[in-house]
C-alpha atoms as a PDB file:
ATOM      1  CA  MET A   1      85.338 117.736  81.402  1.00  0.00           C
ATOM      2  CA  ASN A   2      85.711 115.327  78.716  1.00  0.00           C
ATOM      3  CA  LYS A   3      87.617 112.120  79.300  1.00  0.00           C
ATOM      4  CA  THR A   4      90.562 113.200  77.279  1.00  0.00           C
ATOM      5  CA  LEU A   5      91.166 116.438  79.155  1.00  0.00           C
ATOM      6  CA  GLU A   6      90.613 114.694  82.473  1.00  0.00           C
ATOM      7  CA  PHE A   7      93.156 112.010  81.517  1.00  0.00           C
ATOM      8  CA  ILE A   8      95.731 114.710  80.460  1.00  0.00           C
ATOM      9  CA  LYS A   9      95.074 116.603  83.589  1.00  0.00           C
ATOM     10  CA  SER A  10      95.696 113.449  85.649  1.00  0.00           C
ATOM     11  CA  ILE A  11      99.130 113.110  84.079  1.00  0.00           C
ATOM     12  CA  LEU A  12     100.060 116.729  84.199  1.00  0.00           C
ATOM     13  CA  ILE A  13      99.298 117.219  88.003  1.00  0.00           C
ATOM     14  CA  PRO A  14     102.056 114.954  89.295  1.00  0.00           C
ATOM     15  CA  VAL A  15     104.505 115.860  86.597  1.00  0.00           C
ATOM     16  CA  ILE A  16     104.141 119.623  87.240  1.00  0.00           C
ATOM     17  CA  LEU A  17     104.239 119.225  90.977  1.00  0.00           C
ATOM     18  CA  GLY A  18     107.286 117.220  90.658  1.00  0.00           C
ATOM     19  CA  GLY A  19     108.784 119.818  88.456  1.00  0.00           C
ATOM     20  CA  ILE A  20     108.068 122.666  90.914  1.00  0.00           C
ATOM     21  CA  VAL A  21     109.668 120.765  93.724  1.00  0.00           C
ATOM     22  CA  GLY A  22     112.697 120.051  91.518  1.00  0.00           C
ATOM     23  CA  LEU A  23     112.959 123.807  91.032  1.00  0.00           C
ATOM     24  CA  ILE A  24     112.573 124.567  94.720  1.00  0.00           C
ATOM     25  CA  ILE A  25     115.227 122.118  95.811  1.00  0.00           C
ATOM     26  CA  SER A  26     117.724 122.775  92.891  1.00  0.00           C
ATOM     27  CA  ASN A  27     119.653 125.372  95.090  1.00  0.00           C
ATOM     28  CA  PHE A  28     119.863 122.843  98.007  1.00  0.00           C
ATOM     29  CA  MET A  29     121.134 119.810  96.072  1.00  0.00           C
ATOM     30  CA  ASP A  30     124.222 118.270  97.652  1.00  0.00           C
ATOM     31  CA  TYR A  31     124.013 114.778  96.116  1.00  0.00           C
ATOM     32  CA  ASP A  32     127.414 115.124  94.447  1.00  0.00           C
ATOM     33  CA  MET A  33     128.977 116.270  97.701  1.00  0.00           C
ATOM     34  CA  ILE A  34     127.625 113.538 100.156  1.00  0.00           C
ATOM     35  CA  ASN A  35     128.863 110.068 100.752  1.00  0.00           C
ATOM     36  CA  ARG A  36     126.604 107.604  98.850  1.00  0.00           C
ATOM     37  CA  PRO A  37     125.936 103.999  99.289  1.00  0.00           C
ATOM     38  CA  PRO A  38     127.067 101.448  96.635  1.00  0.00           C
ATOM     39  CA  LEU A  39     124.779 101.321  93.572  1.00  0.00           C
ATOM     40  CA  SER A  40     124.057 105.048  93.858  1.00  0.00           C
ATOM     41  CA  PRO A  41     123.233 106.328  90.354  1.00  0.00           C
ATOM     42  CA  PRO A  42     124.356 109.544  88.909  1.00  0.00           C
ATOM     43  CA  ALA A  43     122.409 112.679  89.698  1.00  0.00           C
ATOM     44  CA  ILE A  44     120.950 112.877  86.173  1.00  0.00           C
ATOM     45  CA  VAL A  45     119.080 109.637  86.667  1.00  0.00           C
ATOM     46  CA  PHE A  46     116.758 110.962  89.315  1.00  0.00           C
ATOM     47  CA  PRO A  47     114.743 113.617  87.329  1.00  0.00           C
ATOM     48  CA  ILE A  48     114.466 111.124  84.405  1.00  0.00           C
ATOM     49  CA  VAL A  49     113.056 108.262  86.573  1.00  0.00           C
ATOM     50  CA  TRP A  50     110.812 110.521  88.552  1.00  0.00           C
ATOM     51  CA  THR A  51     109.310 112.039  85.362  1.00  0.00           C
ATOM     52  CA  VAL A  52     108.495 108.546  84.246  1.00  0.00           C
ATOM     53  CA  LEU A  53     107.112 107.598  87.466  1.00  0.00           C
ATOM     54  CA  TYR A  54     104.928 110.713  87.773  1.00  0.00           C
ATOM     55  CA  ILE A  55     103.573 110.011  84.247  1.00  0.00           C
ATOM     56  CA  LEU A  56     102.768 106.466  85.258  1.00  0.00           C
ATOM     57  CA  MET A  57     101.138 107.570  88.433  1.00  0.00           C
ATOM     58  CA  GLY A  58      99.023 110.058  86.384  1.00  0.00           C
ATOM     59  CA  ILE A  59      98.026 107.411  83.852  1.00  0.00           C
ATOM     60  CA  SER A  60      96.932 105.016  86.623  1.00  0.00           C
ATOM     61  CA  TYR A  61      94.981 107.712  88.373  1.00  0.00           C
ATOM     62  CA  GLY A  62      93.665 108.932  84.961  1.00  0.00           C
ATOM     63  CA  ILE A  63      92.457 105.310  84.141  1.00  0.00           C
ATOM     64  CA  LEU A  64      90.453 105.252  87.347  1.00  0.00           C
ATOM     65  CA  LYS A  65      89.181 108.888  86.926  1.00  0.00           C
ATOM     66  CA  THR A  66      87.913 108.646  83.371  1.00  0.00           C
ATOM     67  CA  ASN A  67      86.225 105.288  84.043  1.00  0.00           C
ATOM     68  CA  ASN A  68      84.452 106.560  87.224  1.00  0.00           C
ATOM     69  CA  LEU A  69      86.409 104.447  89.517  1.00  0.00           C
ATOM     70  CA  ALA A  70      88.050 107.208  91.585  1.00  0.00           C
ATOM     71  CA  ASP A  71      86.033 107.278  94.733  1.00  0.00           C
ATOM     72  CA  GLU A  72      86.792 109.022  97.998  1.00  0.00           C
ATOM     73  CA  LYS A  73      89.251 106.294  99.105  1.00  0.00           C
ATOM     74  CA  VAL A  74      91.139 106.314  95.754  1.00  0.00           C
ATOM     75  CA  ASN A  75      91.448 110.171  95.806  1.00  0.00           C
ATOM     76  CA  SER A  76      92.370 110.198  99.504  1.00  0.00           C
ATOM     77  CA  VAL A  77      95.160 107.714  99.302  1.00  0.00           C
ATOM     78  CA  TYR A  78      96.415 109.014  95.778  1.00  0.00           C
ATOM     79  CA  PHE A  79      96.717 112.649  96.858  1.00  0.00           C
ATOM     80  CA  THR A  80      98.084 111.745 100.208  1.00  0.00           C
ATOM     81  CA  GLN A  81     100.908 109.738  98.821  1.00  0.00           C
ATOM     82  CA  LEU A  82     101.465 112.500  96.124  1.00  0.00           C
ATOM     83  CA  LEU A  83     101.820 114.996  98.789  1.00  0.00           C
ATOM     84  CA  THR A  84     104.147 112.707 100.755  1.00  0.00           C
ATOM     85  CA  ASN A  85     106.057 112.150  97.692  1.00  0.00           C
ATOM     86  CA  ILE A  86     106.700 115.775  96.675  1.00  0.00           C
ATOM     87  CA  THR A  87     107.706 116.775 100.222  1.00  0.00           C
ATOM     88  CA  TRP A  88     110.261 114.155 100.631  1.00  0.00           C
ATOM     89  CA  PRO A  89     112.920 115.930  98.568  1.00  0.00           C
ATOM     90  CA  ILE A  90     112.385 119.198 100.650  1.00  0.00           C
ATOM     91  CA  VAL A  91     112.793 117.194 103.844  1.00  0.00           C
ATOM     92  CA  PHE A  92     115.996 115.426 102.504  1.00  0.00           C
ATOM     93  CA  PHE A  93     117.614 118.041 100.474  1.00  0.00           C
ATOM     94  CA  ALA A  94     116.422 121.413 101.522  1.00  0.00           C
ATOM     95  CA  PHE A  95     116.031 120.803 105.382  1.00  0.00           C
ATOM     96  CA  LYS A  96     118.782 118.053 105.386  1.00  0.00           C
ATOM     97  CA  TRP A  97     116.759 116.198 107.879  1.00  0.00           C
ATOM     98  CA  ARG A  98     118.197 112.793 106.769  1.00  0.00           C
ATOM     99  CA  PHE A  99     116.861 110.679 109.629  1.00  0.00           C
ATOM    100  CA  ILE A 100     113.277 112.242 109.359  1.00  0.00           C
ATOM    101  CA  ALA A 101     113.722 111.491 105.470  1.00  0.00           C
ATOM    102  CA  ILE A 102     114.054 107.772 106.383  1.00  0.00           C
ATOM    103  CA  ILE A 103     110.782 107.728 108.358  1.00  0.00           C
ATOM    104  CA  TRP A 104     109.164 109.861 105.564  1.00  0.00           C
ATOM    105  CA  ILE A 105     110.107 107.498 102.649  1.00  0.00           C
ATOM    106  CA  ILE A 106     109.062 104.377 104.699  1.00  0.00           C
ATOM    107  CA  VAL A 107     105.589 106.067 105.213  1.00  0.00           C
ATOM    108  CA  LEU A 108     105.536 106.975 101.400  1.00  0.00           C
ATOM    109  CA  LEU A 109     106.389 103.337 100.599  1.00  0.00           C
ATOM    110  CA  ILE A 110     103.458 102.129 102.768  1.00  0.00           C
ATOM    111  CA  LEU A 111     101.092 104.663 101.051  1.00  0.00           C
ATOM    112  CA  ILE A 112     102.321 103.546  97.579  1.00  0.00           C
ATOM    113  CA  ILE A 113     101.756  99.866  98.333  1.00  0.00           C
ATOM    114  CA  TYR A 114      98.402 100.569  99.791  1.00  0.00           C
ATOM    115  CA  MET A 115      97.552 102.866  96.807  1.00  0.00           C
ATOM    116  CA  THR A 116      98.811 100.119  94.313  1.00  0.00           C
ATOM    117  CA  ALA A 117      96.403  97.550  96.009  1.00  0.00           C
ATOM    118  CA  ILE A 118      93.427  99.874  95.780  1.00  0.00           C
ATOM    119  CA  PHE A 119      94.167 100.748  92.195  1.00  0.00           C
ATOM    120  CA  TYR A 120      94.551  97.046  91.335  1.00  0.00           C
ATOM    121  CA  LYS A 121      91.191  96.129  92.857  1.00  0.00           C
ATOM    122  CA  LYS A 122      89.654  98.887  90.867  1.00  0.00           C
ATOM    123  CA  ASN A 123      91.578  98.269  87.549  1.00  0.00           C
ATOM    124  CA  LYS A 124      94.423  95.769  87.147  1.00  0.00           C
ATOM    125  CA  LEU A 125      96.284  98.010  84.770  1.00  0.00           C
ATOM    126  CA  ALA A 126      96.111 100.890  87.039  1.00  0.00           C
ATOM    127  CA  GLY A 127      97.617  98.999  89.862  1.00  0.00           C
ATOM    128  CA  LEU A 128     100.249  97.052  87.665  1.00  0.00           C
ATOM    129  CA  LEU A 129     101.562 100.623  86.479  1.00  0.00           C
ATOM    130  CA  GLN A 130     102.629 101.409  89.998  1.00  0.00           C
ATOM    131  CA  ILE A 131     105.038  98.374  90.352  1.00  0.00           C
ATOM    132  CA  PRO A 132     107.974 100.472  88.929  1.00  0.00           C
ATOM    133  CA  TYR A 133     107.175 103.195  91.484  1.00  0.00           C
ATOM    134  CA  ILE A 134     107.150 100.558  94.433  1.00  0.00           C
ATOM    135  CA  ILE A 135     110.467  99.171  93.206  1.00  0.00           C
ATOM    136  CA  TRP A 136     112.040 102.600  92.725  1.00  0.00           C
ATOM    137  CA  THR A 137     110.852 103.778  96.183  1.00  0.00           C
ATOM    138  CA  ILE A 138     112.366 100.613  97.801  1.00  0.00           C
ATOM    139  CA  PHE A 139     115.663 101.490  96.057  1.00  0.00           C
ATOM    140  CA  ALA A 140     115.209 105.152  97.124  1.00  0.00           C
ATOM    141  CA  THR A 141     114.638 103.914 100.709  1.00  0.00           C
ATOM    142  CA  TYR A 142     117.940 101.985 100.585  1.00  0.00           C
ATOM    143  CA  LEU A 143     119.724 105.221  99.279  1.00  0.00           C
ATOM    144  CA  THR A 144     118.189 107.344 102.000  1.00  0.00           C
ATOM    145  CA  ILE A 145     119.251 104.975 104.721  1.00  0.00           C
ATOM    146  CA  GLY A 146     122.694 104.662 103.045  1.00  0.00           C
ATOM    147  CA  VAL A 147     123.201 108.462 102.904  1.00  0.00           C
ATOM    148  CA  TYR A 148     122.163 108.851 106.544  1.00  0.00           C
ATOM    149  CA  VAL A 149     124.522 106.190 107.771  1.00  0.00           C
ATOM    150  CA  LEU A 150     127.401 107.338 105.629  1.00  0.00           C
ATOM    151  CA  ASN A 151     127.065 111.092 106.542  1.00  0.00           C
ATOM    152  CA  LYS A 152     126.196 110.963 110.241  1.00  0.00           C
END
């Protein structure tokens, strides 16, 4: 596969998976009905932010993939965090397992930090592009904990 198609595929995979999960959980969304902690953004912010983050995630992976830097370790941590990422909304919204969602998102954050470090060692830009993902996931962790505490 040529590099351009490989790069596009790297971007489309997380974006499409995120979109599919969005469709799956759309009937279970209770964000506007739950008590939320201070600084909680309006619901419309989430699909916009996650789309941008999925694009950045795909760009980072695409940089590594198209430059032959995506070894077994890169692939393993990247796809593990992606799977953890796309299952979190199902845990939180569909199953309403709020406490499990806290543990889940902390595991996700650890995976993202680990992935970012690995990406950075391989290609600085690929790692730096993940900083917004880390920051947003820290904020999402705060929101997850806040929702759990306020809705026990």
